[in-house]
Every structure is written in structure tokens, then in C-alpha cells.
Amino acid sequence: MNTAATQKTKIALGLLLGFAIGALCRWTGVPSPAPPVLAGALLVVAMTLGYIATDRWFAKREARHRHLCGGPDGSLKRSPKALAD
């Protein structure tokens, strides 16, 4: 499956899950976790768009502290002595 198809599948599943939760809440009488007014719904959309935009922005930035990152076992790429210099 390519990335475009994967992205479309995730969006479709997210929408389906959202509708299912809303319908289940309405059917059982449980208060919906979504805001009941337009301003609240727009706030949720704005937060989601901000989250996505920030995620994409950080993905394009150069990692400034890559030299400090360890491997899977936690070992440093350089010795701690070289980092102190």
C-alpha cells in the first residue's frame, strides 16, 4: 500500500470512528465528548490543524542535537569525553 492510499485509509477510518462514537453516545444517552456549539467545533479543528502544521514543520527542520542521541542500546555515538570538549 502506498503512502497516499494509507493516508486516505487513515482519514476514512478516523471519520468512521468519529461517527460511530457520536452515534453510540446519542443512542446510549451518554454526553458526547465533542463540543455542542460551532465555536467549540472550530476550536477542535484549529487545534488539529495546528498540530499537523507543527508536526510537518518540525519534520523539515535539521536536528540540532543529533550528536547527543544514543543508539537503540543507549550508547553514545561519541565518547562522553569528546562531548565535554
PDB file of N, CA and C in Angstrom:
ATOM      1  N   MET A   1       0.846  -1.176   0.000  1.00  0.00           N
ATOM      2  CA  MET A   1       0.000   0.000   0.000  1.00  0.00           C
ATOM      3  C   MET A   1       0.893   1.242   0.000  1.00  0.00           C
ATOM      4  N   ASN A   2       0.652   2.180  -0.906  1.00  0.00           N
ATOM      5  CA  ASN A   2       1.486   3.378  -0.942  1.00  0.00           C
ATOM      6  C   ASN A   2       1.028   4.388   0.111  1.00  0.00           C
ATOM      7  N   THR A   3       1.808   5.447   0.265  1.00  0.00           N
ATOM      8  CA  THR A   3       1.527   6.405   1.338  1.00  0.00           C
ATOM      9  C   THR A   3       0.216   7.167   1.112  1.00  0.00           C
ATOM     10  N   ALA A   4      -0.142   7.458  -0.138  1.00  0.00           N
ATOM     11  CA  ALA A   4      -1.393   8.166  -0.406  1.00  0.00           C
ATOM     12  C   ALA A   4      -2.595   7.299  -0.025  1.00  0.00           C
ATOM     13  N   ALA A   5      -2.523   6.026  -0.359  1.00  0.00           N
ATOM     14  CA  ALA A   5      -3.616   5.117  -0.001  1.00  0.00           C
ATOM     15  C   ALA A   5      -3.686   4.919   1.506  1.00  0.00           C
ATOM     16  N   THR A   6      -2.539   4.839   2.153  1.00  0.00           N
ATOM     17  CA  THR A   6      -2.511   4.700   3.613  1.00  0.00           C
ATOM     18  C   THR A   6      -3.123   5.926   4.278  1.00  0.00           C
ATOM     19  N   GLN A   7      -2.781   7.120   3.773  1.00  0.00           N
ATOM     20  CA  GLN A   7      -3.314   8.365   4.338  1.00  0.00           C
ATOM     21  C   GLN A   7      -4.838   8.418   4.167  1.00  0.00           C
ATOM     22  N   LYS A   8      -5.328   8.051   3.005  1.00  0.00           N
ATOM     23  CA  LYS A   8      -6.774   8.060   2.761  1.00  0.00           C
ATOM     24  C   LYS A   8      -7.487   7.041   3.648  1.00  0.00           C
ATOM     25  N   THR A   9      -6.857   5.896   3.859  1.00  0.00           N
ATOM     26  CA  THR A   9      -7.444   4.880   4.734  1.00  0.00           C
ATOM     27  C   THR A   9      -7.532   5.384   6.166  1.00  0.00           C
ATOM     28  N   LYS A  10      -6.472   6.053   6.629  1.00  0.00           N
ATOM     29  CA  LYS A  10      -6.479   6.600   7.996  1.00  0.00           C
ATOM     30  C   LYS A  10      -7.570   7.661   8.166  1.00  0.00           C
ATOM     31  N   ILE A  11      -7.729   8.516   7.170  1.00  0.00           N
ATOM     32  CA  ILE A  11      -8.761   9.553   7.233  1.00  0.00           C
ATOM     33  C   ILE A  11     -10.149   8.920   7.262  1.00  0.00           C
ATOM     34  N   ALA A  12     -10.368   7.940   6.397  1.00  0.00           N
ATOM     35  CA  ALA A  12     -11.672   7.273   6.354  1.00  0.00           C
ATOM     36  C   ALA A  12     -11.968   6.555   7.663  1.00  0.00           C
ATOM     37  N   LEU A  13     -10.986   5.864   8.215  1.00  0.00           N
ATOM     38  CA  LEU A  13     -11.193   5.175   9.497  1.00  0.00           C
ATOM     39  C   LEU A  13     -11.429   6.163  10.632  1.00  0.00           C
ATOM     40  N   GLY A  14     -10.728   7.293  10.607  1.00  0.00           N
ATOM     41  CA  GLY A  14     -10.937   8.320  11.630  1.00  0.00           C
ATOM     42  C   GLY A  14     -12.343   8.895  11.584  1.00  0.00           C
ATOM     43  N   LEU A  15     -12.815   9.198  10.374  1.00  0.00           N
ATOM     44  CA  LEU A  15     -14.176   9.710  10.233  1.00  0.00           C
ATOM     45  C   LEU A  15     -15.214   8.666  10.657  1.00  0.00           C
ATOM     46  N   LEU A  16     -14.993   7.427  10.245  1.00  0.00           N
ATOM     47  CA  LEU A  16     -15.906   6.352  10.614  1.00  0.00           C
ATOM     48  C   LEU A  16     -15.947   6.165  12.128  1.00  0.00           C
ATOM     49  N   LEU A  17     -14.795   6.203  12.765  1.00  0.00           N
ATOM     50  CA  LEU A  17     -14.739   6.072  14.216  1.00  0.00           C
ATOM     51  C   LEU A  17     -15.437   7.248  14.902  1.00  0.00           C
ATOM     52  N   GLY A  18     -15.234   8.456  14.379  1.00  0.00           N
ATOM     53  CA  GLY A  18     -15.898   9.632  14.943  1.00  0.00           C
ATOM     54  C   GLY A  18     -17.418   9.537  14.854  1.00  0.00           C
ATOM     55  N   PHE A  19     -17.914   9.137  13.693  1.00  0.00           N
ATOM     56  CA  PHE A  19     -19.359   8.971  13.535  1.00  0.00           C
ATOM     57  C   PHE A  19     -19.893   7.857  14.432  1.00  0.00           C
ATOM     58  N   ALA A  20     -19.120   6.778  14.561  1.00  0.00           N
ATOM     59  CA  ALA A  20     -19.557   5.663  15.412  1.00  0.00           C
ATOM     60  C   ALA A  20     -19.636   6.082  16.877  1.00  0.00           C
ATOM     61  N   ILE A  21     -18.644   6.817  17.343  1.00  0.00           N
ATOM     62  CA  ILE A  21     -18.662   7.287  18.740  1.00  0.00           C
ATOM     63  C   ILE A  21     -19.819   8.243  18.960  1.00  0.00           C
ATOM     64  N   GLY A  22     -20.038   9.163  18.005  1.00  0.00           N
ATOM     65  CA  GLY A  22     -21.157  10.098  18.137  1.00  0.00           C
ATOM     66  C   GLY A  22     -22.502   9.383  18.153  1.00  0.00           C
ATOM     67  N   ALA A  23     -22.675   8.408  17.263  1.00  0.00           N
ATOM     68  CA  ALA A  23     -23.933   7.659  17.216  1.00  0.00           C
ATOM     69  C   ALA A  23     -24.130   6.838  18.488  1.00  0.00           C
ATOM     70  N   LEU A  24     -23.068   6.210  18.970  1.00  0.00           N
ATOM     71  CA  LEU A  24     -23.156   5.414  20.192  1.00  0.00           C
ATOM     72  C   LEU A  24     -23.498   6.285  21.400  1.00  0.00           C
ATOM     73  N   CYS A  25     -22.888   7.458  21.470  1.00  0.00           N
ATOM     74  CA  CYS A  25     -23.197   8.385  22.570  1.00  0.00           C
ATOM     75  C   CYS A  25     -24.660   8.831  22.507  1.00  0.00           C
ATOM     76  N   ARG A  26     -25.130   9.125  21.316  1.00  0.00           N
ATOM     77  CA  ARG A  26     -26.523   9.566  21.154  1.00  0.00           C
ATOM     78  C   ARG A  26     -27.493   8.431  21.492  1.00  0.00           C
ATOM     79  N   TRP A  27     -27.195   7.225  21.046  1.00  0.00           N
ATOM     80  CA  TRP A  27     -28.068   6.079  21.260  1.00  0.00           C
ATOM     81  C   TRP A  27     -28.137   5.692  22.737  1.00  0.00           C
ATOM     82  N   THR A  28     -27.011   5.748  23.445  1.00  0.00           N
ATOM     83  CA  THR A  28     -26.989   5.354  24.855  1.00  0.00           C
ATOM     84  C   THR A  28     -27.318   6.494  25.801  1.00  0.00           C
ATOM     85  N   GLY A  29     -27.360   7.726  25.313  1.00  0.00           N
ATOM     86  CA  GLY A  29     -27.678   8.856  26.174  1.00  0.00           C
ATOM     87  C   GLY A  29     -26.477   9.401  26.928  1.00  0.00           C
ATOM     88  N   VAL A  30     -25.289   8.924  26.592  1.00  0.00           N
ATOM     89  CA  VAL A  30     -24.066   9.429  27.223  1.00  0.00           C
ATOM     90  C   VAL A  30     -23.719  10.767  26.581  1.00  0.00           C
ATOM     91  N   PRO A  31     -23.314  11.761  27.378  1.00  0.00           N
ATOM     92  CA  PRO A  31     -22.941  13.050  26.772  1.00  0.00           C
ATOM     93  C   PRO A  31     -21.792  12.880  25.780  1.00  0.00           C
ATOM     94  N   SER A  32     -21.911  13.526  24.657  1.00  0.00           N
ATOM     95  CA  SER A  32     -20.897  13.431  23.608  1.00  0.00           C
ATOM     96  C   SER A  32     -19.611  14.127  24.039  1.00  0.00           C
ATOM     97  N   PRO A  33     -18.458  13.549  23.723  1.00  0.00           N
ATOM     98  CA  PRO A  33     -17.203  14.204  24.076  1.00  0.00           C
ATOM     99  C   PRO A  33     -16.875  15.399  23.181  1.00  0.00           C
ATOM    100  N   ALA A  34     -17.677  15.639  22.153  1.00  0.00           N
ATOM    101  CA  ALA A  34     -17.446  16.754  21.235  1.00  0.00           C
ATOM    102  C   ALA A  34     -18.170  18.000  21.740  1.00  0.00           C
ATOM    103  N   PRO A  35     -17.648  19.177  21.427  1.00  0.00           N
ATOM    104  CA  PRO A  35     -18.326  20.412  21.834  1.00  0.00           C
ATOM    105  C   PRO A  35     -19.648  20.585  21.080  1.00  0.00           C
ATOM    106  N   PRO A  36     -20.711  21.013  21.763  1.00  0.00           N
ATOM    107  CA  PRO A  36     -22.025  21.107  21.136  1.00  0.00           C
ATOM    108  C   PRO A  36     -22.266  22.402  20.351  1.00  0.00           C
ATOM    109  N   VAL A  37     -21.323  23.328  20.350  1.00  0.00           N
ATOM    110  CA  VAL A  37     -21.529  24.602  19.663  1.00  0.00           C
ATOM    111  C   VAL A  37     -20.487  24.762  18.564  1.00  0.00           C
ATOM    112  N   LEU A  38     -20.764  25.627  17.614  1.00  0.00           N
ATOM    113  CA  LEU A  38     -19.882  25.825  16.474  1.00  0.00           C
ATOM    114  C   LEU A  38     -18.510  26.342  16.894  1.00  0.00           C
ATOM    115  N   ALA A  39     -18.460  27.246  17.838  1.00  0.00           N
ATOM    116  CA  ALA A  39     -17.169  27.789  18.279  1.00  0.00           C
ATOM    117  C   ALA A  39     -16.279  26.688  18.857  1.00  0.00           C
ATOM    118  N   GLY A  40     -16.862  25.768  19.612  1.00  0.00           N
ATOM    119  CA  GLY A  40     -16.097  24.661  20.168  1.00  0.00           C
ATOM    120  C   GLY A  40     -15.601  23.719  19.090  1.00  0.00           C
ATOM    121  N   ALA A  41     -16.453  23.470  18.096  1.00  0.00           N
ATOM    122  CA  ALA A  41     -16.045  22.603  16.993  1.00  0.00           C
ATOM    123  C   ALA A  41     -14.924  23.245  16.183  1.00  0.00           C
ATOM    124  N   LEU A  42     -14.993  24.547  15.974  1.00  0.00           N
ATOM    125  CA  LEU A  42     -13.923  25.251  15.258  1.00  0.00           C
ATOM    126  C   LEU A  42     -12.622  25.238  16.060  1.00  0.00           C
ATOM    127  N   LEU A  43     -12.736  25.286  17.373  1.00  0.00           N
ATOM    128  CA  LEU A  43     -11.547  25.193  18.222  1.00  0.00           C
ATOM    129  C   LEU A  43     -10.868  23.839  18.044  1.00  0.00           C
ATOM    130  N   VAL A  44     -11.651  22.770  17.987  1.00  0.00           N
ATOM    131  CA  VAL A  44     -11.094  21.440  17.768  1.00  0.00           C
ATOM    132  C   VAL A  44     -10.409  21.364  16.401  1.00  0.00           C
ATOM    133  N   VAL A  45     -11.030  21.933  15.379  1.00  0.00           N
ATOM    134  CA  VAL A  45     -10.431  21.937  14.037  1.00  0.00           C
ATOM    135  C   VAL A  45      -9.136  22.746  14.041  1.00  0.00           C
ATOM    136  N   ALA A  46      -9.137  23.905  14.692  1.00  0.00           N
ATOM    137  CA  ALA A  46      -7.942  24.742  14.743  1.00  0.00           C
ATOM    138  C   ALA A  46      -6.808  24.039  15.483  1.00  0.00           C
ATOM    139  N   MET A  47      -7.111  23.365  16.571  1.00  0.00           N
ATOM    140  CA  MET A  47      -6.083  22.635  17.307  1.00  0.00           C
ATOM    141  C   MET A  47      -5.512  21.507  16.461  1.00  0.00           C
ATOM    142  N   THR A  48      -6.370  20.807  15.733  1.00  0.00           N
ATOM    143  CA  THR A  48      -5.912  19.718  14.870  1.00  0.00           C
ATOM    144  C   THR A  48      -5.016  20.244  13.761  1.00  0.00           C
ATOM    145  N   LEU A  49      -5.420  21.327  13.118  1.00  0.00           N
ATOM    146  CA  LEU A  49      -4.604  21.908  12.055  1.00  0.00           C
ATOM    147  C   LEU A  49      -3.272  22.426  12.595  1.00  0.00           C
ATOM    148  N   GLY A  50      -3.284  23.014  13.770  1.00  0.00           N
ATOM    149  CA  GLY A  50      -2.041  23.467  14.393  1.00  0.00           C
ATOM    150  C   GLY A  50      -1.112  22.315  14.707  1.00  0.00           C
ATOM    151  N   TYR A  51      -1.667  21.215  15.180  1.00  0.00           N
ATOM    152  CA  TYR A  51      -0.875  20.024  15.487  1.00  0.00           C
ATOM    153  C   TYR A  51      -0.234  19.477  14.217  1.00  0.00           C
ATOM    154  N   ILE A  52      -1.006  19.381  13.154  1.00  0.00           N
ATOM    155  CA  ILE A  52      -0.493  18.850  11.888  1.00  0.00           C
ATOM    156  C   ILE A  52       0.572  19.782  11.306  1.00  0.00           C
ATOM    157  N   ALA A  53       0.323  21.092  11.329  1.00  0.00           N
ATOM    158  CA  ALA A  53       1.279  22.053  10.776  1.00  0.00           C
ATOM    159  C   ALA A  53       2.592  22.023  11.556  1.00  0.00           C
ATOM    160  N   THR A  54       2.514  21.957  12.870  1.00  0.00           N
ATOM    161  CA  THR A  54       3.728  21.907  13.682  1.00  0.00           C
ATOM    162  C   THR A  54       4.493  20.625  13.438  1.00  0.00           C
ATOM    163  N   ASP A  55       3.788  19.522  13.308  1.00  0.00           N
ATOM    164  CA  ASP A  55       4.440  18.252  13.037  1.00  0.00           C
ATOM    165  C   ASP A  55       5.186  18.290  11.708  1.00  0.00           C
ATOM    166  N   ARG A  56       4.589  18.855  10.700  1.00  0.00           N
ATOM    167  CA  ARG A  56       5.248  18.952   9.393  1.00  0.00           C
ATOM    168  C   ARG A  56       6.421  19.922   9.436  1.00  0.00           C
ATOM    169  N   TRP A  57       6.289  21.016  10.180  1.00  0.00           N
ATOM    170  CA  TRP A  57       7.362  21.998  10.282  1.00  0.00           C
ATOM    171  C   TRP A  57       8.572  21.385  10.987  1.00  0.00           C
ATOM    172  N   PHE A  58       8.352  20.668  12.087  1.00  0.00           N
ATOM    173  CA  PHE A  58       9.460  20.056  12.801  1.00  0.00           C
ATOM    174  C   PHE A  58      10.112  18.949  11.990  1.00  0.00           C
ATOM    175  N   ALA A  59       9.360  18.271  11.146  1.00  0.00           N
ATOM    176  CA  ALA A  59       9.931  17.195  10.338  1.00  0.00           C
ATOM    177  C   ALA A  59      10.905  17.744   9.298  1.00  0.00           C
ATOM    178  N   LYS A  60      10.749  18.995   8.896  1.00  0.00           N
ATOM    179  CA  LYS A  60      11.629  19.588   7.887  1.00  0.00           C
ATOM    180  C   LYS A  60      12.852  20.260   8.494  1.00  0.00           C
ATOM    181  N   ARG A  61      12.856  20.497   9.789  1.00  0.00           N
ATOM    182  CA  ARG A  61      13.980  21.167  10.441  1.00  0.00           C
ATOM    183  C   ARG A  61      15.151  20.215  10.631  1.00  0.00           C
ATOM    184  N   GLU A  62      16.329  20.767  10.621  1.00  0.00           N
ATOM    185  CA  GLU A  62      17.536  19.998  10.891  1.00  0.00           C
ATOM    186  C   GLU A  62      17.616  19.710  12.393  1.00  0.00           C
ATOM    187  N   ALA A  63      17.959  18.497  12.730  1.00  0.00           N
ATOM    188  CA  ALA A  63      18.107  18.121  14.136  1.00  0.00           C
ATOM    189  C   ALA A  63      19.395  18.743  14.672  1.00  0.00           C
ATOM    190  N   ARG A  64      19.275  19.654  15.642  1.00  0.00           N
ATOM    191  CA  ARG A  64      20.442  20.362  16.154  1.00  0.00           C
ATOM    192  C   ARG A  64      21.225  19.554  17.183  1.00  0.00           C
ATOM    193  N   HIS A  65      20.609  18.586  17.815  1.00  0.00           N
ATOM    194  CA  HIS A  65      21.266  17.835  18.885  1.00  0.00           C
ATOM    195  C   HIS A  65      21.431  16.364  18.520  1.00  0.00           C
ATOM    196  N   ARG A  66      21.564  16.087  17.245  1.00  0.00           N
ATOM    197  CA  ARG A  66      21.687  14.709  16.790  1.00  0.00           C
ATOM    198  C   ARG A  66      22.921  14.033  17.373  1.00  0.00           C
ATOM    199  N   HIS A  67      23.988  14.791  17.571  1.00  0.00           N
ATOM    200  CA  HIS A  67      25.221  14.215  18.101  1.00  0.00           C
ATOM    201  C   HIS A  67      25.070  13.733  19.543  1.00  0.00           C
ATOM    202  N   LEU A  68      24.043  14.184  20.242  1.00  0.00           N
ATOM    203  CA  LEU A  68      23.821  13.767  21.621  1.00  0.00           C
ATOM    204  C   LEU A  68      22.929  12.528  21.735  1.00  0.00           C
ATOM    205  N   CYS A  69      22.352  12.107  20.632  1.00  0.00           N
ATOM    206  CA  CYS A  69      21.420  10.980  20.662  1.00  0.00           C
ATOM    207  C   CYS A  69      22.167   9.655  20.711  1.00  0.00           C
ATOM    208  N   GLY A  70      21.639   8.746  21.478  1.00  0.00           N
ATOM    209  CA  GLY A  70      22.236   7.418  21.565  1.00  0.00           C
ATOM    210  C   GLY A  70      21.571   6.458  20.612  1.00  0.00           C
ATOM    211  N   GLY A  71      22.142   5.299  20.514  1.00  0.00           N
ATOM    212  CA  GLY A  71      21.575   4.262  19.664  1.00  0.00           C
ATOM    213  C   GLY A  71      20.488   3.501  20.400  1.00  0.00           C
ATOM    214  N   PRO A  72      20.040   2.374  19.855  1.00  0.00           N
ATOM    215  CA  PRO A  72      18.978   1.584  20.482  1.00  0.00           C
ATOM    216  C   PRO A  72      19.346   1.075  21.874  1.00  0.00           C
ATOM    217  N   ASP A  73      20.656   0.888  22.105  1.00  0.00           N
ATOM    218  CA  ASP A  73      21.081   0.397  23.417  1.00  0.00           C
ATOM    219  C   ASP A  73      21.451   1.528  24.366  1.00  0.00           C
ATOM    220  N   GLY A  74      21.327   2.791  23.916  1.00  0.00           N
ATOM    221  CA  GLY A  74      21.624   3.946  24.763  1.00  0.00           C
ATOM    222  C   GLY A  74      23.062   4.405  24.681  1.00  0.00           C
ATOM    223  N   SER A  75      23.882   3.724  23.893  1.00  0.00           N
ATOM    224  CA  SER A  75      25.278   4.127  23.784  1.00  0.00           C
ATOM    225  C   SER A  75      25.384   5.390  22.931  1.00  0.00           C
ATOM    226  N   LEU A  76      26.357   6.227  23.271  1.00  0.00           N
ATOM    227  CA  LEU A  76      26.566   7.465  22.540  1.00  0.00           C
ATOM    228  C   LEU A  76      27.377   7.207  21.285  1.00  0.00           C
ATOM    229  N   LYS A  77      27.176   8.025  20.271  1.00  0.00           N
ATOM    230  CA  LYS A  77      27.957   7.893  19.049  1.00  0.00           C
ATOM    231  C   LYS A  77      29.397   8.328  19.289  1.00  0.00           C
ATOM    232  N   ARG A  78      29.584   9.299  20.190  1.00  0.00           N
ATOM    233  CA  ARG A  78      30.915   9.747  20.581  1.00  0.00           C
ATOM    234  C   ARG A  78      31.103   9.472  22.059  1.00  0.00           C
ATOM    235  N   SER A  79      32.312   9.465  22.473  1.00  0.00           N
ATOM    236  CA  SER A  79      32.565   9.238  23.898  1.00  0.00           C
ATOM    237  C   SER A  79      32.140  10.462  24.697  1.00  0.00           C
ATOM    238  N   PRO A  80      31.736  10.308  25.957  1.00  0.00           N
ATOM    239  CA  PRO A  80      31.357  11.459  26.772  1.00  0.00           C
ATOM    240  C   PRO A  80      32.496  12.472  26.914  1.00  0.00           C
ATOM    241  N   LYS A  81      33.739  12.001  26.867  1.00  0.00           N
ATOM    242  CA  LYS A  81      34.883  12.893  26.971  1.00  0.00           C
ATOM    243  C   LYS A  81      34.935  13.840  25.779  1.00  0.00           C
ATOM    244  N   ALA A  82      34.633  13.337  24.578  1.00  0.00           N
ATOM    245  CA  ALA A  82      34.636  14.172  23.376  1.00  0.00           C
ATOM    246  C   ALA A  82      33.517  15.189  23.417  1.00  0.00           C
ATOM    247  N   LEU A  83      32.422  14.867  24.082  1.00  0.00           N
ATOM    248  CA  LEU A  83      31.310  15.812  24.187  1.00  0.00           C
ATOM    249  C   LEU A  83      31.647  16.970  25.110  1.00  0.00           C
ATOM    250  N   ALA A  84      32.488  16.716  26.114  1.00  0.00           N
ATOM    251  CA  ALA A  84      32.843  17.764  27.080  1.00  0.00           C
ATOM    252  C   ALA A  84      33.786  18.791  26.469  1.00  0.00           C
ATOM    253  N   ASP A  85      34.514  18.399  25.423  1.00  0.00           N
ATOM    254  CA  ASP A  85      35.486  19.320  24.800  1.00  0.00           C
ATOM    255  C   ASP A  85      34.832  20.395  24.007  1.00  0.00           C
TER     256      ASP A  85
END
